[in-house]
Amino acid sequence: MTVEVDLKEMKDLLCMLNKKVDLLIENRETVSSMSFVEKSLKDFLGIEPDVYSMKDVKVRYSSARCSFR
C-alpha cells in the first residue's frame, strides 16, 4: 500500500469516528434536556390531579396488550 492510500483510509476512519462522537454528544444532550425538564416539572405535576387512576391504566394496558397478540 502506498502512503496516499493509507492516509485516505485514516481520513475515512477519522470522519466515521467524528460522526459517531457527534451522535453520542447529541444523544447525551437530549437525555440531559429530558432529565432537566423532568426535574423542573416534578413539583408542578405533583400537585396536578391524576387524569387516570392506576386501575384505569392497568385495564387499558392489559386489554390493549391482549389485542396485539
PDB file of N, CA and C in Angstrom:
ATOM      1  N   MET A   1       0.835  -1.191   0.000  1.00  0.00           N
ATOM      2  CA  MET A   1       0.000   0.000   0.000  1.00  0.00           C
ATOM      3  C   MET A   1       0.876   1.249   0.000  1.00  0.00           C
ATOM      4  N   THR A   2       0.372   2.229  -0.606  1.00  0.00           N
ATOM      5  CA  THR A   2       1.123   3.480  -0.666  1.00  0.00           C
ATOM      6  C   THR A   2       0.716   4.384   0.484  1.00  0.00           C
ATOM      7  N   VAL A   3       1.482   5.373   0.673  1.00  0.00           N
ATOM      8  CA  VAL A   3       1.222   6.341   1.737  1.00  0.00           C
ATOM      9  C   VAL A   3      -0.111   7.059   1.500  1.00  0.00           C
ATOM     10  N   GLU A   4      -0.392   7.368   0.236  1.00  0.00           N
ATOM     11  CA  GLU A   4      -1.636   8.072  -0.088  1.00  0.00           C
ATOM     12  C   GLU A   4      -2.863   7.237   0.270  1.00  0.00           C
ATOM     13  N   VAL A   5      -2.779   5.937  -0.008  1.00  0.00           N
ATOM     14  CA  VAL A   5      -3.900   5.041   0.309  1.00  0.00           C
ATOM     15  C   VAL A   5      -4.087   4.945   1.825  1.00  0.00           C
ATOM     16  N   ASP A   6      -2.978   4.814   2.531  1.00  0.00           N
ATOM     17  CA  ASP A   6      -3.040   4.765   3.997  1.00  0.00           C
ATOM     18  C   ASP A   6      -3.645   6.040   4.567  1.00  0.00           C
ATOM     19  N   LEU A   7      -3.230   7.175   4.054  1.00  0.00           N
ATOM     20  CA  LEU A   7      -3.766   8.455   4.524  1.00  0.00           C
ATOM     21  C   LEU A   7      -5.269   8.565   4.245  1.00  0.00           C
ATOM     22  N   LYS A   8      -5.690   8.086   3.080  1.00  0.00           N
ATOM     23  CA  LYS A   8      -7.108   8.121   2.723  1.00  0.00           C
ATOM     24  C   LYS A   8      -7.917   7.256   3.682  1.00  0.00           C
ATOM     25  N   GLU A   9      -7.414   6.056   3.994  1.00  0.00           N
ATOM     26  CA  GLU A   9      -8.096   5.165   4.938  1.00  0.00           C
ATOM     27  C   GLU A   9      -8.180   5.798   6.323  1.00  0.00           C
ATOM     28  N   MET A  10      -7.094   6.410   6.747  1.00  0.00           N
ATOM     29  CA  MET A  10      -7.085   7.063   8.061  1.00  0.00           C
ATOM     30  C   MET A  10      -8.083   8.223   8.089  1.00  0.00           C
ATOM     31  N   LYS A  11      -8.132   8.979   7.018  1.00  0.00           N
ATOM     32  CA  LYS A  11      -9.065  10.104   6.932  1.00  0.00           C
ATOM     33  C   LYS A  11     -10.511   9.601   6.986  1.00  0.00           C
ATOM     34  N   ASP A  12     -10.789   8.524   6.263  1.00  0.00           N
ATOM     35  CA  ASP A  12     -12.140   7.951   6.283  1.00  0.00           C
ATOM     36  C   ASP A  12     -12.521   7.464   7.678  1.00  0.00           C
ATOM     37  N   LEU A  13     -11.583   6.810   8.347  1.00  0.00           N
ATOM     38  CA  LEU A  13     -11.840   6.332   9.704  1.00  0.00           C
ATOM     39  C   LEU A  13     -12.079   7.496  10.669  1.00  0.00           C
ATOM     40  N   LEU A  14     -11.291   8.549  10.521  1.00  0.00           N
ATOM     41  CA  LEU A  14     -11.469   9.723  11.381  1.00  0.00           C
ATOM     42  C   LEU A  14     -12.828  10.383  11.145  1.00  0.00           C
ATOM     43  N   CYS A  15     -13.241  10.447   9.890  1.00  0.00           N
ATOM     44  CA  CYS A  15     -14.556  11.021   9.587  1.00  0.00           C
ATOM     45  C   CYS A  15     -15.666  10.188  10.226  1.00  0.00           C
ATOM     46  N   MET A  16     -15.547   8.877  10.132  1.00  0.00           N
ATOM     47  CA  MET A  16     -16.537   7.989  10.725  1.00  0.00           C
ATOM     48  C   MET A  16     -16.574   8.160  12.251  1.00  0.00           C
ATOM     49  N   LEU A  17     -15.395   8.233  12.858  1.00  0.00           N
ATOM     50  CA  LEU A  17     -15.324   8.424  14.310  1.00  0.00           C
ATOM     51  C   LEU A  17     -15.922   9.771  14.719  1.00  0.00           C
ATOM     52  N   ASN A  18     -15.662  10.805  13.955  1.00  0.00           N
ATOM     53  CA  ASN A  18     -16.226  12.124  14.251  1.00  0.00           C
ATOM     54  C   ASN A  18     -17.747  12.099  14.212  1.00  0.00           C
ATOM     55  N   LYS A  19     -18.299  11.408  13.227  1.00  0.00           N
ATOM     56  CA  LYS A  19     -19.760  11.303  13.131  1.00  0.00           C
ATOM     57  C   LYS A  19     -20.330  10.569  14.334  1.00  0.00           C
ATOM     58  N   LYS A  20     -19.668   9.503  14.764  1.00  0.00           N
ATOM     59  CA  LYS A  20     -20.140   8.742  15.922  1.00  0.00           C
ATOM     60  C   LYS A  20     -20.055   9.563  17.207  1.00  0.00           C
ATOM     61  N   VAL A  21     -18.977  10.311  17.358  1.00  0.00           N
ATOM     62  CA  VAL A  21     -18.826  11.164  18.540  1.00  0.00           C
ATOM     63  C   VAL A  21     -19.900  12.254  18.540  1.00  0.00           C
ATOM     64  N   ASP A  22     -20.157  12.839  17.379  1.00  0.00           N
ATOM     65  CA  ASP A  22     -21.207  13.858  17.278  1.00  0.00           C
ATOM     66  C   ASP A  22     -22.567  13.282  17.667  1.00  0.00           C
ATOM     67  N   LEU A  23     -22.851  12.078  17.223  1.00  0.00           N
ATOM     68  CA  LEU A  23     -24.113  11.426  17.558  1.00  0.00           C
ATOM     69  C   LEU A  23     -24.210  11.153  19.052  1.00  0.00           C
ATOM     70  N   LEU A  24     -23.119  10.700  19.662  1.00  0.00           N
ATOM     71  CA  LEU A  24     -23.106  10.459  21.101  1.00  0.00           C
ATOM     72  C   LEU A  24     -23.327  11.747  21.886  1.00  0.00           C
ATOM     73  N   ILE A  25     -22.700  12.810  21.456  1.00  0.00           N
ATOM     74  CA  ILE A  25     -22.871  14.101  22.135  1.00  0.00           C
ATOM     75  C   ILE A  25     -24.317  14.577  21.991  1.00  0.00           C
ATOM     76  N   GLU A  26     -24.873  14.430  20.812  1.00  0.00           N
ATOM     77  CA  GLU A  26     -26.262  14.833  20.586  1.00  0.00           C
ATOM     78  C   GLU A  26     -27.213  14.022  21.466  1.00  0.00           C
ATOM     79  N   ASN A  27     -26.988  12.717  21.558  1.00  0.00           N
ATOM     80  CA  ASN A  27     -27.833  11.880  22.411  1.00  0.00           C
ATOM     81  C   ASN A  27     -27.689  12.259  23.878  1.00  0.00           C
ATOM     82  N   ARG A  28     -26.490  12.571  24.290  1.00  0.00           N
ATOM     83  CA  ARG A  28     -26.267  12.968  25.687  1.00  0.00           C
ATOM     84  C   ARG A  28     -26.980  14.287  25.990  1.00  0.00           C
ATOM     85  N   GLU A  29     -26.929  15.223  25.048  1.00  0.00           N
ATOM     86  CA  GLU A  29     -27.622  16.499  25.228  1.00  0.00           C
ATOM     87  C   GLU A  29     -29.130  16.280  25.324  1.00  0.00           C
ATOM     88  N   THR A  30     -29.658  15.380  24.517  1.00  0.00           N
ATOM     89  CA  THR A  30     -31.090  15.079  24.549  1.00  0.00           C
ATOM     90  C   THR A  30     -31.487  14.485  25.897  1.00  0.00           C
ATOM     91  N   VAL A  31     -30.721  13.524  26.365  1.00  0.00           N
ATOM     92  CA  VAL A  31     -31.015  12.890  27.656  1.00  0.00           C
ATOM     93  C   VAL A  31     -30.897  13.911  28.787  1.00  0.00           C
ATOM     94  N   SER A  32     -29.900  14.772  28.723  1.00  0.00           N
ATOM     95  CA  SER A  32     -29.729  15.800  29.755  1.00  0.00           C
ATOM     96  C   SER A  32     -30.907  16.763  29.759  1.00  0.00           C
ATOM     97  N   SER A  33     -31.366  17.159  28.580  1.00  0.00           N
ATOM     98  CA  SER A  33     -32.514  18.061  28.485  1.00  0.00           C
ATOM     99  C   SER A  33     -33.771  17.407  29.033  1.00  0.00           C
ATOM    100  N   MET A  34     -33.968  16.147  28.694  1.00  0.00           N
ATOM    101  CA  MET A  34     -35.152  15.437  29.188  1.00  0.00           C
ATOM    102  C   MET A  34     -35.115  15.305  30.712  1.00  0.00           C
ATOM    103  N   SER A  35     -33.939  15.024  31.245  1.00  0.00           N
ATOM    104  CA  SER A  35     -33.784  14.911  32.696  1.00  0.00           C
ATOM    105  C   SER A  35     -34.064  16.249  33.374  1.00  0.00           C
ATOM    106  N   PHE A  36     -33.561  17.334  32.800  1.00  0.00           N
ATOM    107  CA  PHE A  36     -33.788  18.668  33.350  1.00  0.00           C
ATOM    108  C   PHE A  36     -35.276  19.014  33.345  1.00  0.00           C
ATOM    109  N   VAL A  37     -35.956  18.727  32.241  1.00  0.00           N
ATOM    110  CA  VAL A  37     -37.386  19.022  32.139  1.00  0.00           C
ATOM    111  C   VAL A  37     -38.162  18.197  33.153  1.00  0.00           C
ATOM    112  N   GLU A  38     -37.801  16.930  33.291  1.00  0.00           N
ATOM    113  CA  GLU A  38     -38.495  16.070  34.249  1.00  0.00           C
ATOM    114  C   GLU A  38     -38.345  16.606  35.674  1.00  0.00           C
ATOM    115  N   LYS A  39     -37.134  17.019  36.024  1.00  0.00           N
ATOM    116  CA  LYS A  39     -36.894  17.544  37.368  1.00  0.00           C
ATOM    117  C   LYS A  39     -37.620  18.873  37.575  1.00  0.00           C
ATOM    118  N   SER A  40     -37.625  19.723  36.560  1.00  0.00           N
ATOM    119  CA  SER A  40     -38.243  21.036  36.725  1.00  0.00           C
ATOM    120  C   SER A  40     -39.765  20.950  36.763  1.00  0.00           C
ATOM    121  N   LEU A  41     -40.343  19.937  36.145  1.00  0.00           N
ATOM    122  CA  LEU A  41     -41.805  19.787  36.149  1.00  0.00           C
ATOM    123  C   LEU A  41     -42.313  18.911  37.288  1.00  0.00           C
ATOM    124  N   LYS A  42     -41.406  18.315  38.037  1.00  0.00           N
ATOM    125  CA  LYS A  42     -41.808  17.383  39.096  1.00  0.00           C
ATOM    126  C   LYS A  42     -42.748  18.038  40.106  1.00  0.00           C
ATOM    127  N   ASP A  43     -42.408  19.217  40.600  1.00  0.00           N
ATOM    128  CA  ASP A  43     -43.260  19.890  41.590  1.00  0.00           C
ATOM    129  C   ASP A  43     -44.602  20.280  40.981  1.00  0.00           C
ATOM    130  N   PHE A  44     -44.570  20.804  39.770  1.00  0.00           N
ATOM    131  CA  PHE A  44     -45.806  21.213  39.109  1.00  0.00           C
ATOM    132  C   PHE A  44     -46.731  20.025  38.885  1.00  0.00           C
ATOM    133  N   LEU A  45     -46.185  18.954  38.359  1.00  0.00           N
ATOM    134  CA  LEU A  45     -47.013  17.779  38.083  1.00  0.00           C
ATOM    135  C   LEU A  45     -47.424  17.050  39.358  1.00  0.00           C
ATOM    136  N   GLY A  46     -46.667  17.239  40.422  1.00  0.00           N
ATOM    137  CA  GLY A  46     -47.012  16.611  41.694  1.00  0.00           C
ATOM    138  C   GLY A  46     -48.306  17.148  42.285  1.00  0.00           C
ATOM    139  N   ILE A  47     -48.633  18.417  42.017  1.00  0.00           N
ATOM    140  CA  ILE A  47     -49.860  18.985  42.583  1.00  0.00           C
ATOM    141  C   ILE A  47     -51.050  18.867  41.631  1.00  0.00           C
ATOM    142  N   GLU A  48     -50.803  18.445  40.392  1.00  0.00           N
ATOM    143  CA  GLU A  48     -51.889  18.271  39.430  1.00  0.00           C
ATOM    144  C   GLU A  48     -52.639  16.968  39.724  1.00  0.00           C
ATOM    145  N   PRO A  49     -53.967  16.985  39.572  1.00  0.00           N
ATOM    146  CA  PRO A  49     -54.718  15.740  39.796  1.00  0.00           C
ATOM    147  C   PRO A  49     -54.435  14.742  38.670  1.00  0.00           C
ATOM    148  N   ASP A  50     -54.492  13.471  39.028  1.00  0.00           N
ATOM    149  CA  ASP A  50     -54.286  12.431  38.035  1.00  0.00           C
ATOM    150  C   ASP A  50     -55.522  12.319  37.151  1.00  0.00           C
ATOM    151  N   VAL A  51     -55.323  12.217  35.863  1.00  0.00           N
ATOM    152  CA  VAL A  51     -56.427  12.075  34.924  1.00  0.00           C
ATOM    153  C   VAL A  51     -56.968  10.650  34.988  1.00  0.00           C
ATOM    154  N   TYR A  52     -56.063   9.679  35.080  1.00  0.00           N
ATOM    155  CA  TYR A  52     -56.446   8.277  35.176  1.00  0.00           C
ATOM    156  C   TYR A  52     -55.898   7.685  36.455  1.00  0.00           C
ATOM    157  N   SER A  53     -56.644   6.766  37.028  1.00  0.00           N
ATOM    158  CA  SER A  53     -56.128   6.049  38.188  1.00  0.00           C
ATOM    159  C   SER A  53     -55.246   4.901  37.693  1.00  0.00           C
ATOM    160  N   MET A  54     -54.503   4.302  38.592  1.00  0.00           N
ATOM    161  CA  MET A  54     -53.668   3.160  38.216  1.00  0.00           C
ATOM    162  C   MET A  54     -54.534   2.011  37.717  1.00  0.00           C
ATOM    163  N   LYS A  55     -55.723   1.876  38.285  1.00  0.00           N
ATOM    164  CA  LYS A  55     -56.639   0.816  37.848  1.00  0.00           C
ATOM    165  C   LYS A  55     -57.035   1.040  36.379  1.00  0.00           C
ATOM    166  N   ASP A  56     -57.353   2.280  36.001  1.00  0.00           N
ATOM    167  CA  ASP A  56     -57.708   2.581  34.613  1.00  0.00           C
ATOM    168  C   ASP A  56     -56.557   2.250  33.668  1.00  0.00           C
ATOM    169  N   VAL A  57     -55.363   2.619  34.065  1.00  0.00           N
ATOM    170  CA  VAL A  57     -54.200   2.389  33.219  1.00  0.00           C
ATOM    171  C   VAL A  57     -53.956   0.894  33.056  1.00  0.00           C
ATOM    172  N   LYS A  58     -54.077   0.139  34.146  1.00  0.00           N
ATOM    173  CA  LYS A  58     -53.856  -1.302  34.068  1.00  0.00           C
ATOM    174  C   LYS A  58     -54.886  -1.963  33.173  1.00  0.00           C
ATOM    175  N   VAL A  59     -56.135  -1.537  33.268  1.00  0.00           N
ATOM    176  CA  VAL A  59     -57.186  -2.123  32.438  1.00  0.00           C
ATOM    177  C   VAL A  59     -56.927  -1.800  30.975  1.00  0.00           C
ATOM    178  N   ARG A  60     -56.610  -0.558  30.664  1.00  0.00           N
ATOM    179  CA  ARG A  60     -56.353  -0.177  29.275  1.00  0.00           C
ATOM    180  C   ARG A  60     -55.115  -0.875  28.734  1.00  0.00           C
ATOM    181  N   TYR A  61     -54.092  -0.976  29.546  1.00  0.00           N
ATOM    182  CA  TYR A  61     -52.853  -1.587  29.070  1.00  0.00           C
ATOM    183  C   TYR A  61     -53.052  -3.080  28.848  1.00  0.00           C
ATOM    184  N   SER A  62     -53.673  -3.766  29.786  1.00  0.00           N
ATOM    185  CA  SER A  62     -53.812  -5.215  29.641  1.00  0.00           C
ATOM    186  C   SER A  62     -54.760  -5.566  28.502  1.00  0.00           C
ATOM    187  N   SER A  63     -55.820  -4.782  28.275  1.00  0.00           N
ATOM    188  CA  SER A  63     -56.726  -5.084  27.171  1.00  0.00           C
ATOM    189  C   SER A  63     -56.067  -4.751  25.822  1.00  0.00           C
ATOM    190  N   ALA A  64     -55.255  -3.701  25.782  1.00  0.00           N
ATOM    191  CA  ALA A  64     -54.539  -3.368  24.552  1.00  0.00           C
ATOM    192  C   ALA A  64     -53.475  -4.417  24.267  1.00  0.00           C
ATOM    193  N   ARG A  65     -52.875  -4.902  25.295  1.00  0.00           N
ATOM    194  CA  ARG A  65     -51.818  -5.902  25.141  1.00  0.00           C
ATOM    195  C   ARG A  65     -52.390  -7.191  24.575  1.00  0.00           C
ATOM    196  N   CYS A  66     -53.565  -7.566  25.031  1.00  0.00           N
ATOM    197  CA  CYS A  66     -54.185  -8.792  24.545  1.00  0.00           C
ATOM    198  C   CYS A  66     -54.588  -8.673  23.081  1.00  0.00           C
ATOM    199  N   SER A  67     -55.008  -7.495  22.659  1.00  0.00           N
ATOM    200  CA  SER A  67     -55.483  -7.333  21.290  1.00  0.00           C
ATOM    201  C   SER A  67     -54.352  -7.393  20.262  1.00  0.00           C
ATOM    202  N   PHE A  68     -53.093  -7.189  20.700  1.00  0.00           N
ATOM    203  CA  PHE A  68     -51.964  -7.230  19.773  1.00  0.00           C
ATOM    204  C   PHE A  68     -51.475  -8.651  19.508  1.00  0.00           C
ATOM    205  N   ARG A  69     -51.887  -9.586  20.318  1.00  0.00           N
ATOM    206  CA  ARG A  69     -51.395 -10.973  20.174  1.00  0.00           C
ATOM    207  C   ARG A  69     -51.960 -11.656  18.993  1.00  0.00           C
TER     208      ARG A  69
END
